[in-house]
Amino acid sequence: MSLSSQDRALITACQAGLPLVAQPYAQIAETLGIQETDVMERLDELLAQGIIRRVGIAPNHYKLGMSANGMTVWDIDDAEAKELGALVGAMEDVTHCYLRPRKRPVWPYNLFAMLHGSTRQEVEEKRQYIARLLGPAVRAHDVLYSTAILKKTGLRLSAKGAN
């Protein structure tokens, strides 16, 4: 797959974040020398084609006062993992949730769910809620707290392209 130079320019203009103005698409359009409707329509097409996955926000949890960020890990019965994982993933407090294969004997966990809070106690309370929700399907669980943000961006395209 290759991108047109116009699509690459549009993605490059949007990938670091939309401008914090009343009409961000109009500002991007002006930068690219196209109409605002062209920006919105082309982004819709790129979304529909799966070239971009989403247009959304990526909050910095630390700047929002959520300095306790923990990836909870769960060893749950494989037969129930998909159904229970969907329950956990639907929780308002869970920002990421996915299933991964275990790496026994070192790593017994197969369900991962990211929790955020202003304190570790808050995260721990949320983790205990999940434990009660999962019930007897849980064989073991733990939480791995973040100590720093190492990367807070997705894939970035260069303005020049891969050629």
Foldseek 3Di string as FASTA:
>chain_A
DDDDLLVLLLCQLPQVHFDPDPLRLCVSCVVSVHHSVVSVVVVVVCCVVVVDVDDDDQDDQVVVLFQWKKKKFFQFDPVCCVVLQVVLCPDPQWDDWDFDDADPPVGRTGIITMGTHNDVVVVVVVVVVSCVVRDPRTPDMDIDTDDDDPDRGDDHADSVGDD
